[in-house]
Amino acid sequence: MNRSFLASAIFLPLATLIAIPAFAQDPKTDPMRRTTELLWPDGPPGAGGKEDGDFPQLIITQVESEVPTAAVVILPGGGYHGHAMGHEGYQFADWFAAMGIPSAICTYRLRGKGNDGKGYGHPRPMQDAQRAIQTLRARAKEFNIDPDRVGVIGFSAGGHLCSTVSTHFLAAKLTAEDPIVRVSSRPDFSILCYPVIAFDKPYTHRGSQQNLIGDNPDPKLIEELSNERQVTSDTPPTFIFHTAADKVVPVENSLQYYLALQRNRVPSELHVFPEGRHGVGLAQQLPGASQWPGLCKEWLKRLGMLPTP
């Protein structure tokens, strides 16, 4: 654990996360290496409308490699109401590409988007994220990736979704007609950045909880999606980054998840830095927290996820 860890967090009323305008693509990336396709070409389960928000997409950034590589699904934050596509989407697709890792940003379904304005709560975001992992794994040969090295990264509410798919798996159905269903949705590694984790706690991000499971959720659903309670020994190796100064999603979320990982002997690494508001992304030029991308890269290297020279 990073020694900048602080034992307590500041608990203040939590505001609803504000999404960054979508699809602010970084012009430095070769557009020929970035493609967009429907996540569910035949239509997603539970689709209730014909708007853009009814049809989640995969925005795939490929890399050149002579051998199969690791790959990662990117889940931007936005309080389950929007997608922070710039600093938690495209920037990270480019960051992974610079390390030789292809990625797919998943525009999972949201509350207030699509479905004739009613939007989508649980289980639709989880189904979309699971499908994204399965898609990369099932099409590994096409994308030149190693199906045994497919991970996931999530930010804020996308971090909650990341922890959800890291604790709720779809088993491979080997006889399924759909080839994507023939592979497991379990990620091989998980990266959580200032994640929402726990529900119905003093440190819960209420906007994310309400958007995902409503105003009066069943206690069983709260239990099921409080993912610190769902960690098992099958949860994949996990890297966590947070700041103690985060007033929107308090660091207690990451602490509780990390403790659950440790109790279940899951290889895990937690870095908490004193300074930094919520949603810092790569945290460039932010004292202390700017170290986290390098620490994460070293962690990925130790896991064998980076290309060898």
C-alpha atoms as a PDB file:
ATOM      1  CA  MET A   1       0.000   0.000   0.000  1.00  0.00           C
ATOM      2  CA  ASN A   2       1.247   3.475  -0.838  1.00  0.00           C
ATOM      3  CA  ARG A   3       2.513   5.262   2.267  1.00  0.00           C
ATOM      4  CA  SER A   4       0.539   8.353   1.359  1.00  0.00           C
ATOM      5  CA  PHE A   5      -2.548   6.471   2.505  1.00  0.00           C
ATOM      6  CA  LEU A   6      -4.661   8.382   4.991  1.00  0.00           C
ATOM      7  CA  ALA A   7      -6.713   6.571   7.579  1.00  0.00           C
ATOM      8  CA  SER A   8      -9.811   8.680   7.291  1.00  0.00           C
ATOM      9  CA  ALA A   9     -11.892  10.357   4.621  1.00  0.00           C
ATOM     10  CA  ILE A  10     -13.988  13.507   4.622  1.00  0.00           C
ATOM     11  CA  PHE A  11     -17.679  12.648   4.514  1.00  0.00           C
ATOM     12  CA  LEU A  12     -19.726  15.429   2.953  1.00  0.00           C
ATOM     13  CA  PRO A  13     -23.070  15.432   1.121  1.00  0.00           C
ATOM     14  CA  LEU A  14     -22.551  13.851  -2.253  1.00  0.00           C
ATOM     15  CA  ALA A  15     -23.455  15.597  -5.475  1.00  0.00           C
ATOM     16  CA  THR A  16     -24.533  13.866  -8.637  1.00  0.00           C
ATOM     17  CA  LEU A  17     -21.592  13.370 -10.969  1.00  0.00           C
ATOM     18  CA  ILE A  18     -21.515  15.619 -14.005  1.00  0.00           C
ATOM     19  CA  ALA A  19     -20.682  13.890 -17.268  1.00  0.00           C
ATOM     20  CA  ILE A  20     -18.118  15.320 -19.635  1.00  0.00           C
ATOM     21  CA  PRO A  21     -19.579  15.866 -23.140  1.00  0.00           C
ATOM     22  CA  ALA A  22     -19.282  12.640 -25.060  1.00  0.00           C
ATOM     23  CA  PHE A  23     -17.071  11.779 -27.999  1.00  0.00           C
ATOM     24  CA  ALA A  24     -14.435  14.527 -27.650  1.00  0.00           C
ATOM     25  CA  GLN A  25     -11.949  12.381 -29.535  1.00  0.00           C
ATOM     26  CA  ASP A  26      -8.218  12.998 -29.144  1.00  0.00           C
ATOM     27  CA  PRO A  27      -7.023  14.051 -32.600  1.00  0.00           C
ATOM     28  CA  LYS A  28      -3.539  12.626 -31.978  1.00  0.00           C
ATOM     29  CA  THR A  29      -4.831   9.081 -32.409  1.00  0.00           C
ATOM     30  CA  ASP A  30      -4.764   7.649 -35.917  1.00  0.00           C
ATOM     31  CA  PRO A  31      -8.477   7.479 -36.832  1.00  0.00           C
ATOM     32  CA  MET A  32      -7.794   4.354 -38.879  1.00  0.00           C
ATOM     33  CA  ARG A  33      -6.943   2.543 -35.642  1.00  0.00           C
ATOM     34  CA  ARG A  34     -10.217   3.557 -33.947  1.00  0.00           C
ATOM     35  CA  THR A  35     -13.472   1.918 -35.014  1.00  0.00           C
ATOM     36  CA  THR A  36     -16.974   1.936 -33.557  1.00  0.00           C
ATOM     37  CA  GLU A  37     -19.502  -0.871 -33.654  1.00  0.00           C
ATOM     38  CA  LEU A  38     -22.696  -1.889 -31.925  1.00  0.00           C
ATOM     39  CA  LEU A  39     -22.184  -3.966 -28.806  1.00  0.00           C
ATOM     40  CA  TRP A  40     -25.369  -5.934 -29.534  1.00  0.00           C
ATOM     41  CA  PRO A  41     -25.692  -6.077 -33.366  1.00  0.00           C
ATOM     42  CA  ASP A  42     -29.033  -7.904 -33.119  1.00  0.00           C
ATOM     43  CA  GLY A  43     -30.382  -5.526 -30.471  1.00  0.00           C
ATOM     44  CA  PRO A  44     -29.649  -5.440 -26.725  1.00  0.00           C
ATOM     45  CA  PRO A  45     -31.783  -7.267 -24.155  1.00  0.00           C
ATOM     46  CA  GLY A  46     -34.469  -5.045 -22.689  1.00  0.00           C
ATOM     47  CA  ALA A  47     -34.140  -2.335 -25.355  1.00  0.00           C
ATOM     48  CA  GLY A  48     -37.074   0.040 -25.030  1.00  0.00           C
ATOM     49  CA  GLY A  49     -36.523   2.689 -27.679  1.00  0.00           C
ATOM     50  CA  LYS A  50     -34.748   3.749 -30.832  1.00  0.00           C
ATOM     51  CA  GLU A  51     -32.502   6.557 -29.571  1.00  0.00           C
ATOM     52  CA  ASP A  52     -28.710   6.494 -29.487  1.00  0.00           C
ATOM     53  CA  GLY A  53     -28.761   5.662 -25.774  1.00  0.00           C
ATOM     54  CA  ASP A  54     -30.687   2.473 -26.480  1.00  0.00           C
ATOM     55  CA  PHE A  55     -27.800   0.968 -28.447  1.00  0.00           C
ATOM     56  CA  PRO A  56     -24.515   0.695 -26.540  1.00  0.00           C
ATOM     57  CA  GLN A  57     -21.323   0.724 -28.572  1.00  0.00           C
ATOM     58  CA  LEU A  58     -17.769  -0.520 -28.485  1.00  0.00           C
ATOM     59  CA  ILE A  59     -15.192   2.074 -29.538  1.00  0.00           C
ATOM     60  CA  ILE A  60     -12.185  -0.070 -30.352  1.00  0.00           C
ATOM     61  CA  THR A  61      -8.595   1.194 -30.480  1.00  0.00           C
ATOM     62  CA  GLN A  62      -6.235  -1.311 -32.065  1.00  0.00           C
ATOM     63  CA  VAL A  63      -2.452  -1.550 -31.934  1.00  0.00           C
ATOM     64  CA  GLU A  64       0.116  -3.112 -34.208  1.00  0.00           C
ATOM     65  CA  SER A  65       1.711  -6.265 -32.847  1.00  0.00           C
ATOM     66  CA  GLU A  66       3.283  -9.378 -34.287  1.00  0.00           C
ATOM     67  CA  VAL A  67       1.953 -11.464 -31.391  1.00  0.00           C
ATOM     68  CA  PRO A  68      -1.354 -11.509 -29.483  1.00  0.00           C
ATOM     69  CA  THR A  69      -1.540  -8.867 -26.753  1.00  0.00           C
ATOM     70  CA  ALA A  70      -3.524  -8.185 -23.604  1.00  0.00           C
ATOM     71  CA  ALA A  71      -6.647  -6.024 -24.020  1.00  0.00           C
ATOM     72  CA  VAL A  72      -8.868  -3.919 -21.790  1.00  0.00           C
ATOM     73  CA  VAL A  73     -12.485  -2.772 -21.661  1.00  0.00           C
ATOM     74  CA  ILE A  74     -12.810   0.883 -20.580  1.00  0.00           C
ATOM     75  CA  LEU A  75     -15.858   1.969 -18.537  1.00  0.00           C
ATOM     76  CA  PRO A  76     -16.017   5.787 -18.221  1.00  0.00           C
ATOM     77  CA  GLY A  77     -17.710   7.357 -15.220  1.00  0.00           C
ATOM     78  CA  GLY A  78     -20.671   9.704 -15.099  1.00  0.00           C
ATOM     79  CA  GLY A  79     -22.917   8.701 -12.213  1.00  0.00           C
ATOM     80  CA  TYR A  80     -24.825   6.134 -14.329  1.00  0.00           C
ATOM     81  CA  HIS A  81     -26.295   9.179 -16.092  1.00  0.00           C
ATOM     82  CA  GLY A  82     -23.562  10.085 -18.594  1.00  0.00           C
ATOM     83  CA  HIS A  83     -20.199   9.009 -19.970  1.00  0.00           C
ATOM     84  CA  ALA A  84     -17.044  11.029 -19.273  1.00  0.00           C
ATOM     85  CA  MET A  85     -15.681  10.090 -22.677  1.00  0.00           C
ATOM     86  CA  GLY A  86     -12.719  12.456 -22.848  1.00  0.00           C
ATOM     87  CA  HIS A  87     -10.583  12.134 -19.717  1.00  0.00           C
ATOM     88  CA  GLU A  88     -11.957   8.690 -18.746  1.00  0.00           C
ATOM     89  CA  GLY A  89     -12.420   7.247 -22.213  1.00  0.00           C
ATOM     90  CA  TYR A  90     -10.346   8.342 -25.203  1.00  0.00           C
ATOM     91  CA  GLN A  91      -7.384   9.500 -23.133  1.00  0.00           C
ATOM     92  CA  PHE A  92      -7.117   6.058 -21.589  1.00  0.00           C
ATOM     93  CA  ALA A  93      -7.559   4.293 -24.909  1.00  0.00           C
ATOM     94  CA  ASP A  94      -4.515   6.252 -26.090  1.00  0.00           C
ATOM     95  CA  TRP A  95      -2.641   5.580 -22.833  1.00  0.00           C
ATOM     96  CA  PHE A  96      -3.126   1.842 -23.212  1.00  0.00           C
ATOM     97  CA  ALA A  97      -2.255   1.974 -26.928  1.00  0.00           C
ATOM     98  CA  ALA A  98       1.051   3.657 -26.055  1.00  0.00           C
ATOM     99  CA  MET A  99       1.819   0.604 -23.924  1.00  0.00           C
ATOM    100  CA  GLY A 100       0.888  -1.758 -26.763  1.00  0.00           C
ATOM    101  CA  ILE A 101      -2.505  -2.712 -25.332  1.00  0.00           C
ATOM    102  CA  PRO A 102      -5.671  -2.423 -27.467  1.00  0.00           C
ATOM    103  CA  SER A 103      -8.891  -1.356 -25.817  1.00  0.00           C
ATOM    104  CA  ALA A 104     -12.641  -1.022 -26.230  1.00  0.00           C
ATOM    105  CA  ILE A 105     -14.579   1.837 -24.626  1.00  0.00           C
ATOM    106  CA  CYS A 106     -18.026   0.524 -23.713  1.00  0.00           C
ATOM    107  CA  THR A 107     -20.854   3.082 -23.823  1.00  0.00           C
ATOM    108  CA  TYR A 108     -23.021   1.052 -21.465  1.00  0.00           C
ATOM    109  CA  ARG A 109     -26.681   2.021 -21.070  1.00  0.00           C
ATOM    110  CA  LEU A 110     -27.677   4.709 -18.580  1.00  0.00           C
ATOM    111  CA  ARG A 111     -30.526   6.226 -16.633  1.00  0.00           C
ATOM    112  CA  GLY A 112     -32.107   9.108 -18.499  1.00  0.00           C
ATOM    113  CA  LYS A 113     -30.604   8.077 -21.824  1.00  0.00           C
ATOM    114  CA  GLY A 114     -32.632   6.284 -24.482  1.00  0.00           C
ATOM    115  CA  ASN A 115     -35.674   4.093 -23.785  1.00  0.00           C
ATOM    116  CA  ASP A 116     -38.029   7.023 -24.551  1.00  0.00           C
ATOM    117  CA  GLY A 117     -36.383   9.123 -21.835  1.00  0.00           C
ATOM    118  CA  LYS A 118     -36.834   6.582 -19.035  1.00  0.00           C
ATOM    119  CA  GLY A 119     -33.360   5.189 -19.325  1.00  0.00           C
ATOM    120  CA  TYR A 120     -31.852   2.026 -17.963  1.00  0.00           C
ATOM    121  CA  GLY A 121     -30.973   0.796 -14.502  1.00  0.00           C
ATOM    122  CA  HIS A 122     -29.678  -2.526 -13.269  1.00  0.00           C
ATOM    123  CA  PRO A 123     -29.065  -5.044 -14.832  1.00  0.00           C
ATOM    124  CA  ARG A 124     -28.557  -3.318 -18.198  1.00  0.00           C
ATOM    125  CA  PRO A 125     -25.195  -1.602 -17.498  1.00  0.00           C
ATOM    126  CA  MET A 126     -23.834  -4.856 -16.055  1.00  0.00           C
ATOM    127  CA  GLN A 127     -25.059  -6.845 -19.058  1.00  0.00           C
ATOM    128  CA  ASP A 128     -23.403  -4.397 -21.433  1.00  0.00           C
ATOM    129  CA  ALA A 129     -20.063  -4.482 -19.606  1.00  0.00           C
ATOM    130  CA  GLN A 130     -20.117  -8.278 -19.382  1.00  0.00           C
ATOM    131  CA  ARG A 131     -20.867  -8.456 -23.094  1.00  0.00           C
ATOM    132  CA  ALA A 132     -17.969  -6.122 -23.865  1.00  0.00           C
ATOM    133  CA  ILE A 133     -15.516  -8.429 -22.073  1.00  0.00           C
ATOM    134  CA  GLN A 134     -16.982 -11.490 -23.768  1.00  0.00           C
ATOM    135  CA  THR A 135     -16.806  -9.788 -27.174  1.00  0.00           C
ATOM    136  CA  LEU A 136     -13.064  -9.110 -26.928  1.00  0.00           C
ATOM    137  CA  ARG A 137     -12.417 -12.622 -25.665  1.00  0.00           C
ATOM    138  CA  ALA A 138     -14.598 -14.359 -28.274  1.00  0.00           C
ATOM    139  CA  ARG A 139     -13.075 -12.331 -31.127  1.00  0.00           C
ATOM    140  CA  ALA A 140      -9.516 -12.638 -29.842  1.00  0.00           C
ATOM    141  CA  LYS A 141      -8.099 -13.987 -33.095  1.00  0.00           C
ATOM    142  CA  GLU A 142      -9.717 -11.198 -35.121  1.00  0.00           C
ATOM    143  CA  PHE A 143      -8.340  -8.502 -32.795  1.00  0.00           C
ATOM    144  CA  ASN A 144      -4.962 -10.250 -32.284  1.00  0.00           C
ATOM    145  CA  ILE A 145      -5.389 -10.431 -28.514  1.00  0.00           C
ATOM    146  CA  ASP A 146      -4.787 -13.139 -25.920  1.00  0.00           C
ATOM    147  CA  PRO A 147      -8.186 -14.340 -24.617  1.00  0.00           C
ATOM    148  CA  ASP A 148      -6.574 -15.103 -21.248  1.00  0.00           C
ATOM    149  CA  ARG A 149      -5.426 -11.489 -20.775  1.00  0.00           C
ATOM    150  CA  VAL A 150      -8.603  -9.431 -21.091  1.00  0.00           C
ATOM    151  CA  GLY A 151      -9.089  -6.886 -18.309  1.00  0.00           C
ATOM    152  CA  VAL A 152     -11.334  -3.996 -17.362  1.00  0.00           C
ATOM    153  CA  ILE A 153     -10.831  -0.458 -16.041  1.00  0.00           C
ATOM    154  CA  GLY A 154     -13.515   1.814 -14.604  1.00  0.00           C
ATOM    155  CA  PHE A 155     -13.804   5.313 -13.163  1.00  0.00           C
ATOM    156  CA  SER A 156     -16.204   6.550 -10.466  1.00  0.00           C
ATOM    157  CA  ALA A 157     -19.613   5.025 -11.349  1.00  0.00           C
ATOM    158  CA  GLY A 158     -17.777   3.191 -14.123  1.00  0.00           C
ATOM    159  CA  GLY A 159     -15.547   1.918 -11.311  1.00  0.00           C
ATOM    160  CA  HIS A 160     -18.646   0.546  -9.625  1.00  0.00           C
ATOM    161  CA  LEU A 161     -19.536  -1.196 -12.868  1.00  0.00           C
ATOM    162  CA  CYS A 162     -15.954  -2.445 -13.100  1.00  0.00           C
ATOM    163  CA  SER A 163     -16.237  -3.924  -9.591  1.00  0.00           C
ATOM    164  CA  THR A 164     -19.615  -5.406 -10.543  1.00  0.00           C
ATOM    165  CA  VAL A 165     -18.273  -7.343 -13.519  1.00  0.00           C
ATOM    166  CA  SER A 166     -15.261  -8.314 -11.374  1.00  0.00           C
ATOM    167  CA  THR A 167     -17.545  -9.982  -8.824  1.00  0.00           C
ATOM    168  CA  HIS A 168     -20.498 -11.106 -10.977  1.00  0.00           C
ATOM    169  CA  PHE A 169     -19.450 -13.422 -13.801  1.00  0.00           C
ATOM    170  CA  LEU A 170     -21.232 -15.104 -16.677  1.00  0.00           C
ATOM    171  CA  ALA A 171     -19.930 -18.625 -17.151  1.00  0.00           C
ATOM    172  CA  ALA A 172     -19.081 -19.843 -20.629  1.00  0.00           C
ATOM    173  CA  LYS A 173     -21.964 -21.640 -22.350  1.00  0.00           C
ATOM    174  CA  LEU A 174     -20.041 -23.906 -24.673  1.00  0.00           C
ATOM    175  CA  THR A 175     -23.081 -25.099 -26.632  1.00  0.00           C
ATOM    176  CA  ALA A 176     -24.617 -21.642 -27.149  1.00  0.00           C
ATOM    177  CA  GLU A 177     -25.510 -20.584 -30.671  1.00  0.00           C
ATOM    178  CA  ASP A 178     -24.005 -17.131 -30.068  1.00  0.00           C
ATOM    179  CA  PRO A 179     -20.188 -17.504 -30.115  1.00  0.00           C
ATOM    180  CA  ILE A 180     -19.796 -14.549 -27.743  1.00  0.00           C
ATOM    181  CA  VAL A 181     -21.775 -16.406 -25.058  1.00  0.00           C
ATOM    182  CA  ARG A 182     -19.431 -19.381 -25.369  1.00  0.00           C
ATOM    183  CA  VAL A 183     -16.765 -17.564 -23.360  1.00  0.00           C
ATOM    184  CA  SER A 184     -16.712 -16.313 -19.764  1.00  0.00           C
ATOM    185  CA  SER A 185     -17.212 -12.661 -18.805  1.00  0.00           C
ATOM    186  CA  ARG A 186     -14.708 -12.866 -15.929  1.00  0.00           C
ATOM    187  CA  PRO A 187     -11.972 -10.261 -16.449  1.00  0.00           C
ATOM    188  CA  ASP A 188      -8.351 -11.345 -16.008  1.00  0.00           C
ATOM    189  CA  PHE A 189      -7.455  -8.094 -14.240  1.00  0.00           C
ATOM    190  CA  SER A 190      -9.342  -5.122 -12.848  1.00  0.00           C
ATOM    191  CA  ILE A 191      -8.341  -1.456 -12.416  1.00  0.00           C
ATOM    192  CA  LEU A 192     -10.549   0.767 -10.241  1.00  0.00           C
ATOM    193  CA  CYS A 193     -10.072   4.549 -10.292  1.00  0.00           C
ATOM    194  CA  TYR A 194     -11.818   6.517  -7.513  1.00  0.00           C
ATOM    195  CA  PRO A 195     -14.670   3.985  -7.691  1.00  0.00           C
ATOM    196  CA  VAL A 196     -18.162   4.032  -6.287  1.00  0.00           C
ATOM    197  CA  ILE A 197     -18.381   0.712  -4.429  1.00  0.00           C
ATOM    198  CA  ALA A 198     -20.777   0.542  -1.465  1.00  0.00           C
ATOM    199  CA  PHE A 199     -24.503   1.277  -1.465  1.00  0.00           C
ATOM    200  CA  ASP A 200     -26.690   2.572   1.333  1.00  0.00           C
ATOM    201  CA  LYS A 201     -23.749   3.808   3.426  1.00  0.00           C
ATOM    202  CA  PRO A 202     -22.827   7.293   4.709  1.00  0.00           C
ATOM    203  CA  TYR A 203     -20.093   7.411   2.058  1.00  0.00           C
ATOM    204  CA  THR A 204     -22.270   6.140  -0.813  1.00  0.00           C
ATOM    205  CA  HIS A 205     -22.554   8.273  -3.925  1.00  0.00           C
ATOM    206  CA  ARG A 206     -26.336   8.640  -3.813  1.00  0.00           C
ATOM    207  CA  GLY A 207     -26.746   9.781  -7.397  1.00  0.00           C
ATOM    208  CA  SER A 208     -25.100   6.630  -8.736  1.00  0.00           C
ATOM    209  CA  GLN A 209     -27.173   4.424  -6.453  1.00  0.00           C
ATOM    210  CA  GLN A 210     -30.449   6.100  -7.426  1.00  0.00           C
ATOM    211  CA  ASN A 211     -29.685   6.003 -11.135  1.00  0.00           C
ATOM    212  CA  LEU A 212     -28.765   2.324 -11.004  1.00  0.00           C
ATOM    213  CA  ILE A 213     -31.338   0.833  -8.637  1.00  0.00           C
ATOM    214  CA  GLY A 214     -33.925   3.549  -7.954  1.00  0.00           C
ATOM    215  CA  ASP A 215     -35.139   5.480  -4.930  1.00  0.00           C
ATOM    216  CA  ASN A 216     -36.526   2.535  -2.919  1.00  0.00           C
ATOM    217  CA  PRO A 217     -34.450  -0.491  -3.858  1.00  0.00           C
ATOM    218  CA  ASP A 218     -34.962  -3.981  -2.522  1.00  0.00           C
ATOM    219  CA  PRO A 219     -32.466  -4.609   0.332  1.00  0.00           C
ATOM    220  CA  LYS A 220     -31.355  -7.749  -1.508  1.00  0.00           C
ATOM    221  CA  LEU A 221     -30.383  -5.617  -4.496  1.00  0.00           C
ATOM    222  CA  ILE A 222     -28.421  -3.243  -2.268  1.00  0.00           C
ATOM    223  CA  GLU A 223     -26.553  -6.251  -0.882  1.00  0.00           C
ATOM    224  CA  GLU A 224     -25.954  -7.708  -4.344  1.00  0.00           C
ATOM    225  CA  LEU A 225     -24.513  -4.484  -5.768  1.00  0.00           C
ATOM    226  CA  SER A 226     -22.508  -3.407  -2.724  1.00  0.00           C
ATOM    227  CA  ASN A 227     -19.540  -5.086  -4.308  1.00  0.00           C
ATOM    228  CA  GLU A 228     -17.258  -5.053  -1.285  1.00  0.00           C
ATOM    229  CA  ARG A 229     -19.664  -7.722  -0.003  1.00  0.00           C
ATOM    230  CA  GLN A 230     -19.386  -9.771  -3.200  1.00  0.00           C
ATOM    231  CA  VAL A 231     -15.623 -10.271  -3.380  1.00  0.00           C
ATOM    232  CA  THR A 232     -14.488 -13.908  -3.416  1.00  0.00           C
ATOM    233  CA  SER A 233     -11.238 -15.707  -4.123  1.00  0.00           C
ATOM    234  CA  ASP A 234     -12.310 -15.734  -7.801  1.00  0.00           C
ATOM    235  CA  THR A 235     -12.232 -11.935  -8.039  1.00  0.00           C
ATOM    236  CA  PRO A 236      -9.426 -11.012 -10.472  1.00  0.00           C
ATOM    237  CA  PRO A 237      -6.175  -9.278  -9.457  1.00  0.00           C
ATOM    238  CA  THR A 238      -7.022  -5.648  -8.765  1.00  0.00           C
ATOM    239  CA  PHE A 239      -5.316  -2.251  -8.812  1.00  0.00           C
ATOM    240  CA  ILE A 240      -7.079   0.640  -7.008  1.00  0.00           C
ATOM    241  CA  PHE A 241      -6.370   4.372  -7.097  1.00  0.00           C
ATOM    242  CA  HIS A 242      -8.134   7.080  -5.056  1.00  0.00           C
ATOM    243  CA  THR A 243      -7.460  10.433  -3.379  1.00  0.00           C
ATOM    244  CA  ALA A 244      -8.228  11.203   0.242  1.00  0.00           C
ATOM    245  CA  ALA A 245      -9.454  14.686  -0.737  1.00  0.00           C
ATOM    246  CA  ASP A 246     -12.226  13.273  -2.955  1.00  0.00           C
ATOM    247  CA  LYS A 247     -15.453  14.859  -1.656  1.00  0.00           C
ATOM    248  CA  VAL A 248     -17.766  13.297  -4.253  1.00  0.00           C
ATOM    249  CA  VAL A 249     -16.881   9.624  -3.840  1.00  0.00           C
ATOM    250  CA  PRO A 250     -15.074   9.285  -0.491  1.00  0.00           C
ATOM    251  CA  VAL A 251     -12.019   7.074  -0.290  1.00  0.00           C
ATOM    252  CA  GLU A 252     -13.863   4.769   2.135  1.00  0.00           C
ATOM    253  CA  ASN A 253     -15.307   3.064  -0.956  1.00  0.00           C
ATOM    254  CA  SER A 254     -11.867   1.946  -2.113  1.00  0.00           C
ATOM    255  CA  LEU A 255     -10.726   1.060   1.400  1.00  0.00           C
ATOM    256  CA  GLN A 256     -13.631  -1.311   1.968  1.00  0.00           C
ATOM    257  CA  TYR A 257     -13.132  -3.018  -1.380  1.00  0.00           C
ATOM    258  CA  TYR A 258      -9.404  -3.405  -0.783  1.00  0.00           C
ATOM    259  CA  LEU A 259     -10.007  -4.927   2.652  1.00  0.00           C
ATOM    260  CA  ALA A 260     -12.429  -7.409   1.098  1.00  0.00           C
ATOM    261  CA  LEU A 261      -9.811  -8.333  -1.497  1.00  0.00           C
ATOM    262  CA  GLN A 262      -7.258  -8.906   1.246  1.00  0.00           C
ATOM    263  CA  ARG A 263      -9.642 -11.052   3.289  1.00  0.00           C
ATOM    264  CA  ASN A 264     -10.143 -13.233   0.234  1.00  0.00           C
ATOM    265  CA  ARG A 265      -6.422 -13.338  -0.617  1.00  0.00           C
ATOM    266  CA  VAL A 266      -6.924 -11.680  -3.991  1.00  0.00           C
ATOM    267  CA  PRO A 267      -3.673 -10.145  -5.304  1.00  0.00           C
ATOM    268  CA  SER A 268      -4.349  -6.440  -5.035  1.00  0.00           C
ATOM    269  CA  GLU A 269      -2.697  -3.066  -4.797  1.00  0.00           C
ATOM    270  CA  LEU A 270      -4.119   0.171  -3.353  1.00  0.00           C
ATOM    271  CA  HIS A 271      -2.702   3.691  -3.738  1.00  0.00           C
ATOM    272  CA  VAL A 272      -4.318   6.613  -1.935  1.00  0.00           C
ATOM    273  CA  PHE A 273      -2.868  10.092  -2.365  1.00  0.00           C
ATOM    274  CA  PRO A 274      -3.676  13.073  -0.092  1.00  0.00           C
ATOM    275  CA  GLU A 275      -4.594  15.643  -2.757  1.00  0.00           C
ATOM    276  CA  GLY A 276      -6.848  15.654  -5.780  1.00  0.00           C
ATOM    277  CA  ARG A 277     -10.499  16.302  -6.511  1.00  0.00           C
ATOM    278  CA  HIS A 278     -12.835  13.674  -7.862  1.00  0.00           C
ATOM    279  CA  GLY A 279     -12.442  12.663 -11.493  1.00  0.00           C
ATOM    280  CA  VAL A 280      -8.771  13.489 -12.035  1.00  0.00           C
ATOM    281  CA  GLY A 281      -8.246  10.885 -14.766  1.00  0.00           C
ATOM    282  CA  LEU A 282      -4.535  10.545 -15.525  1.00  0.00           C
ATOM    283  CA  ALA A 283      -3.884  13.211 -12.838  1.00  0.00           C
ATOM    284  CA  GLN A 284      -1.198  14.863 -14.939  1.00  0.00           C
ATOM    285  CA  GLN A 285       0.783  17.531 -13.054  1.00  0.00           C
ATOM    286  CA  LEU A 286      -1.112  16.762  -9.830  1.00  0.00           C
ATOM    287  CA  PRO A 287       1.485  16.339  -7.058  1.00  0.00           C
ATOM    288  CA  GLY A 288       1.462  12.828  -5.669  1.00  0.00           C
ATOM    289  CA  ALA A 289      -1.448  11.460  -7.632  1.00  0.00           C
ATOM    290  CA  SER A 290       0.387  11.929 -10.932  1.00  0.00           C
ATOM    291  CA  GLN A 291       2.396   8.852  -9.915  1.00  0.00           C
ATOM    292  CA  TRP A 292      -0.533   6.492 -10.251  1.00  0.00           C
ATOM    293  CA  PRO A 293      -0.332   5.793 -14.025  1.00  0.00           C
ATOM    294  CA  GLY A 294       3.301   4.759 -13.665  1.00  0.00           C
ATOM    295  CA  LEU A 295       2.482   2.574 -10.683  1.00  0.00           C
ATOM    296  CA  CYS A 296      -0.333   0.966 -12.637  1.00  0.00           C
ATOM    297  CA  LYS A 297       1.951   0.351 -15.603  1.00  0.00           C
ATOM    298  CA  GLU A 298       4.453  -1.405 -13.352  1.00  0.00           C
ATOM    299  CA  TRP A 299       1.626  -3.501 -11.879  1.00  0.00           C
ATOM    300  CA  LEU A 300       0.497  -4.503 -15.372  1.00  0.00           C
ATOM    301  CA  LYS A 301       4.078  -5.404 -16.212  1.00  0.00           C
ATOM    302  CA  ARG A 302       4.345  -7.660 -13.148  1.00  0.00           C
ATOM    303  CA  LEU A 303       1.094  -9.363 -14.169  1.00  0.00           C
ATOM    304  CA  GLY A 304       2.559 -10.087 -17.598  1.00  0.00           C
ATOM    305  CA  MET A 305       0.102  -7.822 -19.415  1.00  0.00           C
ATOM    306  CA  LEU A 306       2.636  -5.622 -21.235  1.00  0.00           C
ATOM    307  CA  PRO A 307       4.395  -6.657 -24.435  1.00  0.00           C
ATOM    308  CA  THR A 308       7.896  -7.976 -23.891  1.00  0.00           C
ATOM    309  CA  PRO A 309      10.751  -6.141 -25.658  1.00  0.00           C
END
